[in-house]
Amino acid sequence: MKTILTMAILLALALPASAQSGVASWYAEGKRTANGERFNPDGLTCAHRSLPFGTLLRVTYKGRSAVCRVNDRGPFVRGRVLDLSRGTARAIGLLGAGVGLVHYTEL
């Protein structure tokens, strides 16, 4: 019984807690983020409508991924789930496209 419980716990830890998909875009302008810190366009950060500030997300676009931190609110365009900093967009290869379908998982 103990072995089965241990295996179930390990399996639960191995699976993504909340895998999501949706359209993301990137932005590189702004002075302050919603959490009050200075916006760094080349940082690995993003904006999400409701996740707590400081949440780490693994964002994947066409097989390339990066870990970024939620430090802002948005996007404010209907149908989009994330606004990525220019640095995050560059890291996953979304910079040229501007907008694309991403998958993200809360870490």
C-alpha atoms as a PDB file:
ATOM      1  CA  MET A   1       0.000   0.000   0.000  1.00  0.00           C
ATOM      2  CA  LYS A   2       2.813   2.410   0.887  1.00  0.00           C
ATOM      3  CA  THR A   3       4.549   1.740  -2.450  1.00  0.00           C
ATOM      4  CA  ILE A   4       1.366   2.477  -4.412  1.00  0.00           C
ATOM      5  CA  LEU A   5       0.865   5.731  -2.513  1.00  0.00           C
ATOM      6  CA  THR A   6       4.481   6.746  -3.134  1.00  0.00           C
ATOM      7  CA  MET A   7       4.139   5.983  -6.858  1.00  0.00           C
ATOM      8  CA  ALA A   8       0.915   8.002  -7.045  1.00  0.00           C
ATOM      9  CA  ILE A   9       2.598  10.987  -5.401  1.00  0.00           C
ATOM     10  CA  LEU A  10       5.599  10.776  -7.737  1.00  0.00           C
ATOM     11  CA  LEU A  11       3.322  10.519 -10.771  1.00  0.00           C
ATOM     12  CA  ALA A  12       1.317  13.539  -9.635  1.00  0.00           C
ATOM     13  CA  LEU A  13       4.526  15.546  -9.213  1.00  0.00           C
ATOM     14  CA  ALA A  14       5.746  14.541 -12.688  1.00  0.00           C
ATOM     15  CA  LEU A  15       2.604  15.736 -14.461  1.00  0.00           C
ATOM     16  CA  PRO A  16       2.158  19.424 -15.250  1.00  0.00           C
ATOM     17  CA  ALA A  17       0.005  21.096 -12.610  1.00  0.00           C
ATOM     18  CA  SER A  18      -1.886  23.228 -15.104  1.00  0.00           C
ATOM     19  CA  ALA A  19      -0.926  22.972 -18.763  1.00  0.00           C
ATOM     20  CA  GLN A  20      -2.630  25.646 -20.864  1.00  0.00           C
ATOM     21  CA  SER A  21      -2.567  26.748 -24.485  1.00  0.00           C
ATOM     22  CA  GLY A  22      -3.490  29.965 -26.199  1.00  0.00           C
ATOM     23  CA  VAL A  23      -2.373  32.892 -28.293  1.00  0.00           C
ATOM     24  CA  ALA A  24       0.446  35.027 -26.931  1.00  0.00           C
ATOM     25  CA  SER A  25       2.028  38.245 -28.120  1.00  0.00           C
ATOM     26  CA  TRP A  26       4.987  40.278 -26.929  1.00  0.00           C
ATOM     27  CA  TYR A  27       5.562  43.822 -25.809  1.00  0.00           C
ATOM     28  CA  ALA A  28       8.617  45.987 -25.137  1.00  0.00           C
ATOM     29  CA  GLU A  29       7.224  49.280 -23.869  1.00  0.00           C
ATOM     30  CA  GLY A  30       6.314  50.428 -20.412  1.00  0.00           C
ATOM     31  CA  LYS A  31       7.868  52.014 -17.355  1.00  0.00           C
ATOM     32  CA  ARG A  32       6.415  49.961 -14.520  1.00  0.00           C
ATOM     33  CA  THR A  33       4.730  46.595 -14.328  1.00  0.00           C
ATOM     34  CA  ALA A  34       1.550  45.946 -12.369  1.00  0.00           C
ATOM     35  CA  ASN A  35       3.537  44.593  -9.433  1.00  0.00           C
ATOM     36  CA  GLY A  36       5.465  47.897  -9.219  1.00  0.00           C
ATOM     37  CA  GLU A  37       8.856  46.876 -10.560  1.00  0.00           C
ATOM     38  CA  ARG A  38      10.610  48.619 -13.432  1.00  0.00           C
ATOM     39  CA  PHE A  39       9.794  46.944 -16.764  1.00  0.00           C
ATOM     40  CA  ASN A  40      12.799  45.268 -18.393  1.00  0.00           C
ATOM     41  CA  PRO A  41      11.923  44.511 -22.035  1.00  0.00           C
ATOM     42  CA  ASP A  42      14.805  42.057 -22.328  1.00  0.00           C
ATOM     43  CA  GLY A  43      13.945  40.166 -19.136  1.00  0.00           C
ATOM     44  CA  LEU A  44      12.242  36.791 -18.994  1.00  0.00           C
ATOM     45  CA  THR A  45       8.864  38.005 -17.774  1.00  0.00           C
ATOM     46  CA  CYS A  46       5.235  37.980 -18.867  1.00  0.00           C
ATOM     47  CA  ALA A  47       1.793  39.374 -18.166  1.00  0.00           C
ATOM     48  CA  HIS A  48      -1.175  37.186 -17.218  1.00  0.00           C
ATOM     49  CA  ARG A  49      -4.661  38.281 -16.218  1.00  0.00           C
ATOM     50  CA  SER A  50      -4.993  36.360 -12.962  1.00  0.00           C
ATOM     51  CA  LEU A  51      -1.948  34.278 -11.965  1.00  0.00           C
ATOM     52  CA  PRO A  52      -0.185  35.566  -8.846  1.00  0.00           C
ATOM     53  CA  PHE A  53       2.849  37.787  -9.336  1.00  0.00           C
ATOM     54  CA  GLY A  54       6.020  35.728  -9.125  1.00  0.00           C
ATOM     55  CA  THR A  55       4.482  32.608 -10.679  1.00  0.00           C
ATOM     56  CA  LEU A  56       6.986  30.840 -12.917  1.00  0.00           C
ATOM     57  CA  LEU A  57       5.745  29.572 -16.282  1.00  0.00           C
ATOM     58  CA  ARG A  58       7.448  27.342 -18.823  1.00  0.00           C
ATOM     59  CA  VAL A  59       6.284  28.800 -22.160  1.00  0.00           C
ATOM     60  CA  THR A  60       6.758  26.765 -25.357  1.00  0.00           C
ATOM     61  CA  TYR A  61       6.409  27.895 -28.959  1.00  0.00           C
ATOM     62  CA  LYS A  62       7.199  25.539 -31.865  1.00  0.00           C
ATOM     63  CA  GLY A  63       9.382  23.320 -29.687  1.00  0.00           C
ATOM     64  CA  ARG A  64      11.409  26.102 -28.041  1.00  0.00           C
ATOM     65  CA  SER A  65      10.742  26.938 -24.423  1.00  0.00           C
ATOM     66  CA  ALA A  66      11.794  29.357 -21.708  1.00  0.00           C
ATOM     67  CA  VAL A  67      10.897  29.921 -18.081  1.00  0.00           C
ATOM     68  CA  CYS A  68       9.480  33.348 -17.335  1.00  0.00           C
ATOM     69  CA  ARG A  69       7.996  35.072 -14.310  1.00  0.00           C
ATOM     70  CA  VAL A  70       4.567  36.740 -14.111  1.00  0.00           C
ATOM     71  CA  ASN A  71       5.100  40.371 -13.102  1.00  0.00           C
ATOM     72  CA  ASP A  72       2.374  42.230 -14.994  1.00  0.00           C
ATOM     73  CA  ARG A  73      -1.332  42.112 -15.847  1.00  0.00           C
ATOM     74  CA  GLY A  74      -2.706  41.584 -19.312  1.00  0.00           C
ATOM     75  CA  PRO A  75      -3.042  40.925 -22.156  1.00  0.00           C
ATOM     76  CA  PHE A  76      -5.862  43.317 -22.853  1.00  0.00           C
ATOM     77  CA  VAL A  77      -6.559  42.012 -26.362  1.00  0.00           C
ATOM     78  CA  ARG A  78      -9.431  39.559 -26.667  1.00  0.00           C
ATOM     79  CA  GLY A  79      -8.360  35.981 -27.377  1.00  0.00           C
ATOM     80  CA  ARG A  80      -4.822  36.261 -25.995  1.00  0.00           C
ATOM     81  CA  VAL A  81      -3.636  34.490 -22.868  1.00  0.00           C
ATOM     82  CA  LEU A  82      -0.137  35.900 -22.327  1.00  0.00           C
ATOM     83  CA  ASP A  83       1.837  39.025 -23.105  1.00  0.00           C
ATOM     84  CA  LEU A  84       5.514  38.131 -23.186  1.00  0.00           C
ATOM     85  CA  SER A  85       8.412  40.498 -22.701  1.00  0.00           C
ATOM     86  CA  ARG A  86      10.623  40.895 -25.762  1.00  0.00           C
ATOM     87  CA  GLY A  87      13.286  38.794 -23.999  1.00  0.00           C
ATOM     88  CA  THR A  88      10.906  35.879 -23.497  1.00  0.00           C
ATOM     89  CA  ALA A  89       9.608  36.162 -27.076  1.00  0.00           C
ATOM     90  CA  ARG A  90      13.187  36.131 -28.372  1.00  0.00           C
ATOM     91  CA  ALA A  91      14.073  33.086 -26.254  1.00  0.00           C
ATOM     92  CA  ILE A  92      11.216  30.994 -27.685  1.00  0.00           C
ATOM     93  CA  GLY A  93      11.406  32.270 -31.267  1.00  0.00           C
ATOM     94  CA  LEU A  94       8.192  34.324 -31.264  1.00  0.00           C
ATOM     95  CA  LEU A  95       9.846  37.683 -31.866  1.00  0.00           C
ATOM     96  CA  GLY A  96       9.514  37.680 -35.670  1.00  0.00           C
ATOM     97  CA  ALA A  97       5.974  36.329 -35.748  1.00  0.00           C
ATOM     98  CA  GLY A  98       4.754  38.737 -33.081  1.00  0.00           C
ATOM     99  CA  VAL A  99       1.792  36.542 -32.181  1.00  0.00           C
ATOM    100  CA  GLY A 100       1.524  32.770 -31.946  1.00  0.00           C
ATOM    101  CA  LEU A 101       0.022  29.729 -30.289  1.00  0.00           C
ATOM    102  CA  VAL A 102       1.955  28.854 -27.138  1.00  0.00           C
ATOM    103  CA  HIS A 103       1.685  26.183 -24.473  1.00  0.00           C
ATOM    104  CA  TYR A 104       2.511  27.093 -20.905  1.00  0.00           C
ATOM    105  CA  THR A 105       2.783  25.228 -17.652  1.00  0.00           C
ATOM    106  CA  GLU A 106       2.913  26.614 -14.159  1.00  0.00           C
ATOM    107  CA  LEU A 107       6.052  25.489 -12.348  1.00  0.00           C
END
